């Protein structure tokens, strides 16, 4: 029997399936990155990256980025800062403590997409089993920019999804929301200067678009290398842990 004056305690125990980091770079950094891409497009010696990527680009191209280029260095620092925050947040939400690690950003490329070019469903590969991926939008054709997907009609041939990025991490659709299942897909309308960070295993695709203009992005892989011989000895013994956001941000 419940006493008349007793309190009933009720909590919601959230079970997170995926974290996606999102940020926006300042205008100065956006200009620097676009200048870098312009120089690479105009340089005949720029290294193509198509043979290592799945992009179906008939008109556009994909080029390897020199991560030591002065125009990329500020963004490279931002990617490391964001990765530290992402990793720290994940371990805190999982009620775990991360072992020491360091980051390697050595796989960065541009994607210059034009009419009818697209990226089929894919994930990213890495030589490390712990890694983060992502992309930043740098240029968006006007016929794509500013879409409000929730307000648009998805039936018929309206081009609603043209140039949109789709993220997939399961098989549950929005139709199953009334059964209290969280959808396992999301859609991103590109916006210049906005970047995303997510686990390397996340499947994603970019739909083609029609009309003039360039849909430009830079993509990357960031290796998370666990220190202290973690693969053979998961319990660190000689390396001091740094787990606060402040310490992570200074541990670049």
C-alpha atoms as a PDB file:
ATOM      1  CA  UNK A   1       0.000   0.000   0.000  1.00  0.00           C
ATOM      2  CA  UNK A   2       1.298   3.498  -0.902  1.00  0.00           C
ATOM      3  CA  UNK A   3       1.171   5.997   1.929  1.00  0.00           C
ATOM      4  CA  UNK A   4      -1.077   8.984   1.234  1.00  0.00           C
ATOM      5  CA  UNK A   5       1.682  11.576   1.654  1.00  0.00           C
ATOM      6  CA  UNK A   6       4.494   9.649  -0.020  1.00  0.00           C
ATOM      7  CA  UNK A   7       6.188  11.037  -3.142  1.00  0.00           C
ATOM      8  CA  UNK A   8       6.308   9.044  -6.351  1.00  0.00           C
ATOM      9  CA  UNK A   9       9.606   9.287  -8.210  1.00  0.00           C
ATOM     10  CA  UNK A  10       9.645   8.881 -11.976  1.00  0.00           C
ATOM     11  CA  UNK A  11      12.589   9.424 -14.326  1.00  0.00           C
ATOM     12  CA  UNK A  12      13.204   9.030 -18.044  1.00  0.00           C
ATOM     13  CA  UNK A  13      16.318   6.983 -18.777  1.00  0.00           C
ATOM     14  CA  UNK A  14      17.443   8.177 -22.204  1.00  0.00           C
ATOM     15  CA  UNK A  15      19.355   5.674 -24.346  1.00  0.00           C
ATOM     16  CA  UNK A  16      21.385   7.612 -26.902  1.00  0.00           C
ATOM     17  CA  UNK A  17      22.049   5.906 -30.237  1.00  0.00           C
ATOM     18  CA  UNK A  18      24.115   8.562 -31.999  1.00  0.00           C
ATOM     19  CA  UNK A  19      25.769  11.928 -31.387  1.00  0.00           C
ATOM     20  CA  UNK A  20      26.243  14.407 -34.229  1.00  0.00           C
ATOM     21  CA  UNK A  21      28.341  17.509 -33.709  1.00  0.00           C
ATOM     22  CA  UNK A  22      27.293  20.703 -35.499  1.00  0.00           C
ATOM     23  CA  UNK A  23      28.993  24.070 -35.678  1.00  0.00           C
ATOM     24  CA  UNK A  24      29.384  27.171 -37.814  1.00  0.00           C
ATOM     25  CA  UNK A  25      32.671  28.763 -38.764  1.00  0.00           C
ATOM     26  CA  UNK A  26      33.263  32.552 -38.878  1.00  0.00           C
ATOM     27  CA  UNK A  27      33.053  34.391 -42.202  1.00  0.00           C
ATOM     28  CA  UNK A  28      36.832  34.914 -42.346  1.00  0.00           C
ATOM     29  CA  UNK A  29      37.478  31.172 -42.110  1.00  0.00           C
ATOM     30  CA  UNK A  30      34.817  30.478 -44.757  1.00  0.00           C
ATOM     31  CA  UNK A  31      36.560  32.878 -47.145  1.00  0.00           C
ATOM     32  CA  UNK A  32      39.951  31.254 -46.460  1.00  0.00           C
ATOM     33  CA  UNK A  33      38.635  27.767 -47.195  1.00  0.00           C
ATOM     34  CA  UNK A  34      36.884  28.873 -50.386  1.00  0.00           C
ATOM     35  CA  UNK A  35      40.065  30.615 -51.525  1.00  0.00           C
ATOM     36  CA  UNK A  36      41.980  27.386 -50.891  1.00  0.00           C
ATOM     37  CA  UNK A  37      39.439  25.430 -52.955  1.00  0.00           C
ATOM     38  CA  UNK A  38      39.569  27.979 -55.795  1.00  0.00           C
ATOM     39  CA  UNK A  39      43.350  27.697 -55.930  1.00  0.00           C
ATOM     40  CA  UNK A  40      43.182  23.907 -55.956  1.00  0.00           C
ATOM     41  CA  UNK A  41      40.595  23.859 -58.747  1.00  0.00           C
ATOM     42  CA  UNK A  42      42.734  26.156 -60.877  1.00  0.00           C
ATOM     43  CA  UNK A  43      45.970  24.263 -60.211  1.00  0.00           C
ATOM     44  CA  UNK A  44      46.507  21.462 -62.710  1.00  0.00           C
ATOM     45  CA  UNK A  45      48.946  19.780 -60.300  1.00  0.00           C
ATOM     46  CA  UNK A  46      46.302  19.330 -57.560  1.00  0.00           C
ATOM     47  CA  UNK A  47      46.083  15.672 -56.565  1.00  0.00           C
ATOM     48  CA  UNK A  48      42.803  13.985 -57.593  1.00  0.00           C
ATOM     49  CA  UNK A  49      41.084  11.938 -54.885  1.00  0.00           C
ATOM     50  CA  UNK A  50      38.413  10.269 -57.012  1.00  0.00           C
ATOM     51  CA  UNK A  51      40.044   6.842 -57.034  1.00  0.00           C
ATOM     52  CA  UNK A  52      39.592   6.556 -53.237  1.00  0.00           C
ATOM     53  CA  UNK A  53      36.036   7.926 -53.084  1.00  0.00           C
ATOM     54  CA  UNK A  54      32.571   6.788 -54.166  1.00  0.00           C
ATOM     55  CA  UNK A  55      31.321  10.122 -55.516  1.00  0.00           C
ATOM     56  CA  UNK A  56      29.550   9.914 -58.878  1.00  0.00           C
ATOM     57  CA  UNK A  57      30.850  13.217 -60.225  1.00  0.00           C
ATOM     58  CA  UNK A  58      30.561  13.573 -63.994  1.00  0.00           C
ATOM     59  CA  UNK A  59      31.266  17.301 -64.084  1.00  0.00           C
ATOM     60  CA  UNK A  60      32.758  18.002 -60.688  1.00  0.00           C
ATOM     61  CA  UNK A  61      35.913  16.749 -59.023  1.00  0.00           C
ATOM     62  CA  UNK A  62      37.347  15.629 -55.686  1.00  0.00           C
ATOM     63  CA  UNK A  63      40.809  16.805 -54.654  1.00  0.00           C
ATOM     64  CA  UNK A  64      43.207  15.963 -51.838  1.00  0.00           C
ATOM     65  CA  UNK A  65      43.748  18.846 -49.386  1.00  0.00           C
ATOM     66  CA  UNK A  66      47.174  19.656 -47.998  1.00  0.00           C
ATOM     67  CA  UNK A  67      46.390  19.885 -44.278  1.00  0.00           C
ATOM     68  CA  UNK A  68      49.559  21.955 -43.731  1.00  0.00           C
ATOM     69  CA  UNK A  69      48.352  24.727 -46.033  1.00  0.00           C
ATOM     70  CA  UNK A  70      48.159  28.032 -44.158  1.00  0.00           C
ATOM     71  CA  UNK A  71      44.553  28.552 -45.275  1.00  0.00           C
ATOM     72  CA  UNK A  72      43.518  25.242 -43.692  1.00  0.00           C
ATOM     73  CA  UNK A  73      45.394  25.452 -40.393  1.00  0.00           C
ATOM     74  CA  UNK A  74      42.787  27.453 -38.443  1.00  0.00           C
ATOM     75  CA  UNK A  75      40.054  25.048 -39.496  1.00  0.00           C
ATOM     76  CA  UNK A  76      42.277  22.082 -38.659  1.00  0.00           C
ATOM     77  CA  UNK A  77      42.608  23.434 -35.097  1.00  0.00           C
ATOM     78  CA  UNK A  78      38.824  23.859 -34.941  1.00  0.00           C
ATOM     79  CA  UNK A  79      38.326  20.238 -36.026  1.00  0.00           C
ATOM     80  CA  UNK A  80      40.590  19.026 -33.219  1.00  0.00           C
ATOM     81  CA  UNK A  81      38.801  21.192 -30.670  1.00  0.00           C
ATOM     82  CA  UNK A  82      35.432  19.877 -31.828  1.00  0.00           C
ATOM     83  CA  UNK A  83      36.676  16.285 -31.748  1.00  0.00           C
ATOM     84  CA  UNK A  84      37.888  16.662 -28.163  1.00  0.00           C
ATOM     85  CA  UNK A  85      34.481  18.024 -27.135  1.00  0.00           C
ATOM     86  CA  UNK A  86      32.700  15.225 -29.034  1.00  0.00           C
ATOM     87  CA  UNK A  87      34.776  12.453 -27.446  1.00  0.00           C
ATOM     88  CA  UNK A  88      34.456  13.935 -23.971  1.00  0.00           C
ATOM     89  CA  UNK A  89      30.674  14.307 -24.325  1.00  0.00           C
ATOM     90  CA  UNK A  90      30.290  10.734 -25.559  1.00  0.00           C
ATOM     91  CA  UNK A  91      32.183   9.237 -22.634  1.00  0.00           C
ATOM     92  CA  UNK A  92      30.371  11.412 -20.104  1.00  0.00           C
ATOM     93  CA  UNK A  93      26.963  10.421 -21.502  1.00  0.00           C
ATOM     94  CA  UNK A  94      28.038   6.761 -21.391  1.00  0.00           C
ATOM     95  CA  UNK A  95      29.222   7.254 -17.777  1.00  0.00           C
ATOM     96  CA  UNK A  96      32.724   6.151 -18.764  1.00  0.00           C
ATOM     97  CA  UNK A  97      36.204   7.662 -18.614  1.00  0.00           C
ATOM     98  CA  UNK A  98      38.220   7.837 -21.850  1.00  0.00           C
ATOM     99  CA  UNK A  99      41.732   6.496 -21.881  1.00  0.00           C
ATOM    100  CA  UNK A 100      44.442   8.869 -23.160  1.00  0.00           C
ATOM    101  CA  UNK A 101      44.417   9.465 -26.891  1.00  0.00           C
ATOM    102  CA  UNK A 102      45.679  11.770 -29.587  1.00  0.00           C
ATOM    103  CA  UNK A 103      44.159  12.847 -32.894  1.00  0.00           C
ATOM    104  CA  UNK A 104      45.454  12.493 -36.444  1.00  0.00           C
ATOM    105  CA  UNK A 105      43.905  14.522 -39.272  1.00  0.00           C
ATOM    106  CA  UNK A 106      45.563  13.190 -42.379  1.00  0.00           C
ATOM    107  CA  UNK A 107      42.693  12.463 -44.764  1.00  0.00           C
ATOM    108  CA  UNK A 108      40.973  15.595 -46.099  1.00  0.00           C
ATOM    109  CA  UNK A 109      39.462  16.242 -49.524  1.00  0.00           C
ATOM    110  CA  UNK A 110      37.257  18.672 -51.438  1.00  0.00           C
ATOM    111  CA  UNK A 111      34.011  17.779 -53.202  1.00  0.00           C
ATOM    112  CA  UNK A 112      33.023  20.038 -56.106  1.00  0.00           C
ATOM    113  CA  UNK A 113      29.543  18.918 -57.122  1.00  0.00           C
ATOM    114  CA  UNK A 114      27.588  20.260 -60.116  1.00  0.00           C
ATOM    115  CA  UNK A 115      24.315  19.435 -61.845  1.00  0.00           C
ATOM    116  CA  UNK A 116      23.461  15.692 -61.678  1.00  0.00           C
ATOM    117  CA  UNK A 117      26.573  14.848 -59.607  1.00  0.00           C
ATOM    118  CA  UNK A 118      25.854  12.894 -56.422  1.00  0.00           C
ATOM    119  CA  UNK A 119      27.348  10.811 -53.621  1.00  0.00           C
ATOM    120  CA  UNK A 120      25.702   7.381 -53.144  1.00  0.00           C
ATOM    121  CA  UNK A 121      25.099   5.858 -49.711  1.00  0.00           C
ATOM    122  CA  UNK A 122      28.458   5.197 -48.043  1.00  0.00           C
ATOM    123  CA  UNK A 123      30.491   5.429 -44.886  1.00  0.00           C
ATOM    124  CA  UNK A 124      34.144   6.423 -44.544  1.00  0.00           C
ATOM    125  CA  UNK A 125      37.121   4.130 -44.167  1.00  0.00           C
ATOM    126  CA  UNK A 126      40.169   4.513 -41.944  1.00  0.00           C
ATOM    127  CA  UNK A 127      43.187   2.517 -40.854  1.00  0.00           C
ATOM    128  CA  UNK A 128      41.993   3.074 -37.269  1.00  0.00           C
ATOM    129  CA  UNK A 129      38.880   1.471 -35.811  1.00  0.00           C
ATOM    130  CA  UNK A 130      38.181   4.605 -33.766  1.00  0.00           C
ATOM    131  CA  UNK A 131      37.691   7.609 -36.026  1.00  0.00           C
ATOM    132  CA  UNK A 132      35.444  10.578 -36.694  1.00  0.00           C
ATOM    133  CA  UNK A 133      34.313  11.966 -40.031  1.00  0.00           C
ATOM    134  CA  UNK A 134      32.475  15.021 -41.223  1.00  0.00           C
ATOM    135  CA  UNK A 135      32.075  17.775 -43.759  1.00  0.00           C
ATOM    136  CA  UNK A 136      31.744  21.535 -43.994  1.00  0.00           C
ATOM    137  CA  UNK A 137      29.590  23.247 -46.608  1.00  0.00           C
ATOM    138  CA  UNK A 138      31.378  26.065 -48.421  1.00  0.00           C
ATOM    139  CA  UNK A 139      29.177  26.889 -51.431  1.00  0.00           C
ATOM    140  CA  UNK A 140      25.490  26.167 -52.025  1.00  0.00           C
ATOM    141  CA  UNK A 141      23.532  26.871 -55.240  1.00  0.00           C
ATOM    142  CA  UNK A 142      20.561  29.205 -54.632  1.00  0.00           C
ATOM    143  CA  UNK A 143      18.007  26.594 -55.744  1.00  0.00           C
ATOM    144  CA  UNK A 144      19.139  24.387 -52.814  1.00  0.00           C
ATOM    145  CA  UNK A 145      19.789  26.947 -50.088  1.00  0.00           C
ATOM    146  CA  UNK A 146      17.143  27.901 -47.575  1.00  0.00           C
ATOM    147  CA  UNK A 147      14.896  24.871 -47.903  1.00  0.00           C
ATOM    148  CA  UNK A 148      12.668  24.046 -44.922  1.00  0.00           C
ATOM    149  CA  UNK A 149      12.176  20.315 -45.358  1.00  0.00           C
ATOM    150  CA  UNK A 150       9.457  20.062 -42.723  1.00  0.00           C
ATOM    151  CA  UNK A 151       7.388  22.625 -44.626  1.00  0.00           C
ATOM    152  CA  UNK A 152       7.805  21.131 -48.107  1.00  0.00           C
ATOM    153  CA  UNK A 153       5.684  18.581 -49.938  1.00  0.00           C
ATOM    154  CA  UNK A 154       7.689  15.370 -50.305  1.00  0.00           C
ATOM    155  CA  UNK A 155       5.174  13.814 -52.736  1.00  0.00           C
ATOM    156  CA  UNK A 156       5.308  14.218 -56.475  1.00  0.00           C
ATOM    157  CA  UNK A 157       8.246  15.595 -58.396  1.00  0.00           C
ATOM    158  CA  UNK A 158       9.044  18.842 -56.612  1.00  0.00           C
ATOM    159  CA  UNK A 159      12.810  18.450 -56.182  1.00  0.00           C
ATOM    160  CA  UNK A 160      12.397  18.607 -52.419  1.00  0.00           C
ATOM    161  CA  UNK A 161      15.476  16.504 -51.738  1.00  0.00           C
ATOM    162  CA  UNK A 162      17.713  17.952 -54.455  1.00  0.00           C
ATOM    163  CA  UNK A 163      21.194  18.630 -53.067  1.00  0.00           C
ATOM    164  CA  UNK A 164      20.213  17.456 -49.572  1.00  0.00           C
ATOM    165  CA  UNK A 165      22.443  15.233 -47.411  1.00  0.00           C
ATOM    166  CA  UNK A 166      20.782  12.197 -45.823  1.00  0.00           C
ATOM    167  CA  UNK A 167      22.162  10.484 -42.697  1.00  0.00           C
ATOM    168  CA  UNK A 168      21.173   6.869 -41.948  1.00  0.00           C
ATOM    169  CA  UNK A 169      22.036   4.859 -38.825  1.00  0.00           C
ATOM    170  CA  UNK A 170      19.207   2.317 -38.799  1.00  0.00           C
ATOM    171  CA  UNK A 171      15.998   1.211 -40.485  1.00  0.00           C
ATOM    172  CA  UNK A 172      13.323   3.099 -38.528  1.00  0.00           C
ATOM    173  CA  UNK A 173      11.395   5.706 -40.490  1.00  0.00           C
ATOM    174  CA  UNK A 174       9.361   8.685 -39.362  1.00  0.00           C
ATOM    175  CA  UNK A 175       6.179   6.649 -39.819  1.00  0.00           C
ATOM    176  CA  UNK A 176       7.067   4.694 -36.686  1.00  0.00           C
ATOM    177  CA  UNK A 177       7.160   7.715 -34.366  1.00  0.00           C
ATOM    178  CA  UNK A 178       3.580   6.982 -33.105  1.00  0.00           C
ATOM    179  CA  UNK A 179       4.934   3.649 -31.816  1.00  0.00           C
ATOM    180  CA  UNK A 180       7.547   5.575 -29.774  1.00  0.00           C
ATOM    181  CA  UNK A 181      10.472   4.587 -31.935  1.00  0.00           C
ATOM    182  CA  UNK A 182      13.035   7.279 -32.630  1.00  0.00           C
ATOM    183  CA  UNK A 183      13.763   7.739 -36.347  1.00  0.00           C
ATOM    184  CA  UNK A 184      17.198   6.555 -37.435  1.00  0.00           C
ATOM    185  CA  UNK A 185      17.601   8.974 -40.332  1.00  0.00           C
ATOM    186  CA  UNK A 186      17.999  12.714 -40.662  1.00  0.00           C
ATOM    187  CA  UNK A 187      18.351  15.214 -43.498  1.00  0.00           C
ATOM    188  CA  UNK A 188      20.620  18.236 -43.835  1.00  0.00           C
ATOM    189  CA  UNK A 189      20.000  21.218 -46.096  1.00  0.00           C
ATOM    190  CA  UNK A 190      23.494  22.582 -46.835  1.00  0.00           C
ATOM    191  CA  UNK A 191      24.334  26.024 -45.499  1.00  0.00           C
ATOM    192  CA  UNK A 192      27.673  27.761 -46.163  1.00  0.00           C
ATOM    193  CA  UNK A 193      29.951  27.680 -43.121  1.00  0.00           C
ATOM    194  CA  UNK A 194      28.082  24.951 -41.259  1.00  0.00           C
ATOM    195  CA  UNK A 195      30.027  21.771 -40.453  1.00  0.00           C
ATOM    196  CA  UNK A 196      29.142  18.383 -38.985  1.00  0.00           C
ATOM    197  CA  UNK A 197      31.133  15.783 -37.043  1.00  0.00           C
ATOM    198  CA  UNK A 198      30.091  12.155 -36.545  1.00  0.00           C
ATOM    199  CA  UNK A 199      31.436   8.589 -36.134  1.00  0.00           C
ATOM    200  CA  UNK A 200      33.158   7.139 -39.166  1.00  0.00           C
ATOM    201  CA  UNK A 201      30.591   4.327 -39.462  1.00  0.00           C
ATOM    202  CA  UNK A 202      27.622   6.649 -40.114  1.00  0.00           C
ATOM    203  CA  UNK A 203      26.090   6.017 -43.538  1.00  0.00           C
ATOM    204  CA  UNK A 204      25.278   9.143 -45.530  1.00  0.00           C
ATOM    205  CA  UNK A 205      24.543  10.254 -49.082  1.00  0.00           C
ATOM    206  CA  UNK A 206      24.123  13.430 -51.111  1.00  0.00           C
ATOM    207  CA  UNK A 207      21.264  13.689 -53.605  1.00  0.00           C
ATOM    208  CA  UNK A 208      21.883  15.243 -57.037  1.00  0.00           C
ATOM    209  CA  UNK A 209      20.441  18.596 -58.033  1.00  0.00           C
ATOM    210  CA  UNK A 210      19.559  20.372 -61.270  1.00  0.00           C
ATOM    211  CA  UNK A 211      20.463  23.822 -62.471  1.00  0.00           C
ATOM    212  CA  UNK A 212      23.545  25.995 -62.337  1.00  0.00           C
ATOM    213  CA  UNK A 213      25.958  26.464 -59.464  1.00  0.00           C
ATOM    214  CA  UNK A 214      28.487  24.529 -57.420  1.00  0.00           C
ATOM    215  CA  UNK A 215      27.728  22.578 -54.259  1.00  0.00           C
ATOM    216  CA  UNK A 216      31.127  22.672 -52.532  1.00  0.00           C
ATOM    217  CA  UNK A 217      32.261  20.860 -49.400  1.00  0.00           C
ATOM    218  CA  UNK A 218      35.416  19.724 -47.649  1.00  0.00           C
ATOM    219  CA  UNK A 219      35.285  16.303 -46.006  1.00  0.00           C
ATOM    220  CA  UNK A 220      37.675  14.596 -43.605  1.00  0.00           C
ATOM    221  CA  UNK A 221      38.562  11.628 -41.444  1.00  0.00           C
ATOM    222  CA  UNK A 222      40.071  12.105 -37.987  1.00  0.00           C
ATOM    223  CA  UNK A 223      41.819   9.119 -36.440  1.00  0.00           C
ATOM    224  CA  UNK A 224      41.407   8.710 -32.683  1.00  0.00           C
ATOM    225  CA  UNK A 225      44.599   6.938 -31.610  1.00  0.00           C
ATOM    226  CA  UNK A 226      44.363   5.477 -28.110  1.00  0.00           C
ATOM    227  CA  UNK A 227      47.633   5.877 -26.227  1.00  0.00           C
ATOM    228  CA  UNK A 228      49.391   3.709 -23.658  1.00  0.00           C
ATOM    229  CA  UNK A 229      49.266   0.592 -25.846  1.00  0.00           C
ATOM    230  CA  UNK A 230      45.503   0.465 -25.385  1.00  0.00           C
ATOM    231  CA  UNK A 231      44.849  -2.458 -27.755  1.00  0.00           C
ATOM    232  CA  UNK A 232      46.971  -4.829 -25.670  1.00  0.00           C
ATOM    233  CA  UNK A 233      46.477  -3.176 -22.296  1.00  0.00           C
ATOM    234  CA  UNK A 234      43.102  -1.395 -21.992  1.00  0.00           C
ATOM    235  CA  UNK A 235      43.882  -0.200 -18.443  1.00  0.00           C
ATOM    236  CA  UNK A 236      46.279   2.771 -18.633  1.00  0.00           C
ATOM    237  CA  UNK A 237      48.832   2.809 -15.880  1.00  0.00           C
ATOM    238  CA  UNK A 238      51.531   5.333 -16.717  1.00  0.00           C
ATOM    239  CA  UNK A 239      49.691   8.102 -18.598  1.00  0.00           C
ATOM    240  CA  UNK A 240      47.779  10.805 -16.759  1.00  0.00           C
ATOM    241  CA  UNK A 241      44.157  11.025 -17.842  1.00  0.00           C
ATOM    242  CA  UNK A 242      42.844  14.333 -19.196  1.00  0.00           C
ATOM    243  CA  UNK A 243      39.094  14.241 -19.311  1.00  0.00           C
ATOM    244  CA  UNK A 244      37.806  17.785 -18.810  1.00  0.00           C
ATOM    245  CA  UNK A 245      36.812  19.850 -21.830  1.00  0.00           C
ATOM    246  CA  UNK A 246      39.318  22.557 -20.867  1.00  0.00           C
ATOM    247  CA  UNK A 247      42.182  20.064 -20.680  1.00  0.00           C
ATOM    248  CA  UNK A 248      41.149  18.386 -23.927  1.00  0.00           C
ATOM    249  CA  UNK A 249      41.067  21.665 -25.811  1.00  0.00           C
ATOM    250  CA  UNK A 250      44.626  22.465 -24.747  1.00  0.00           C
ATOM    251  CA  UNK A 251      45.839  18.943 -25.541  1.00  0.00           C
ATOM    252  CA  UNK A 252      46.217  19.532 -29.285  1.00  0.00           C
END
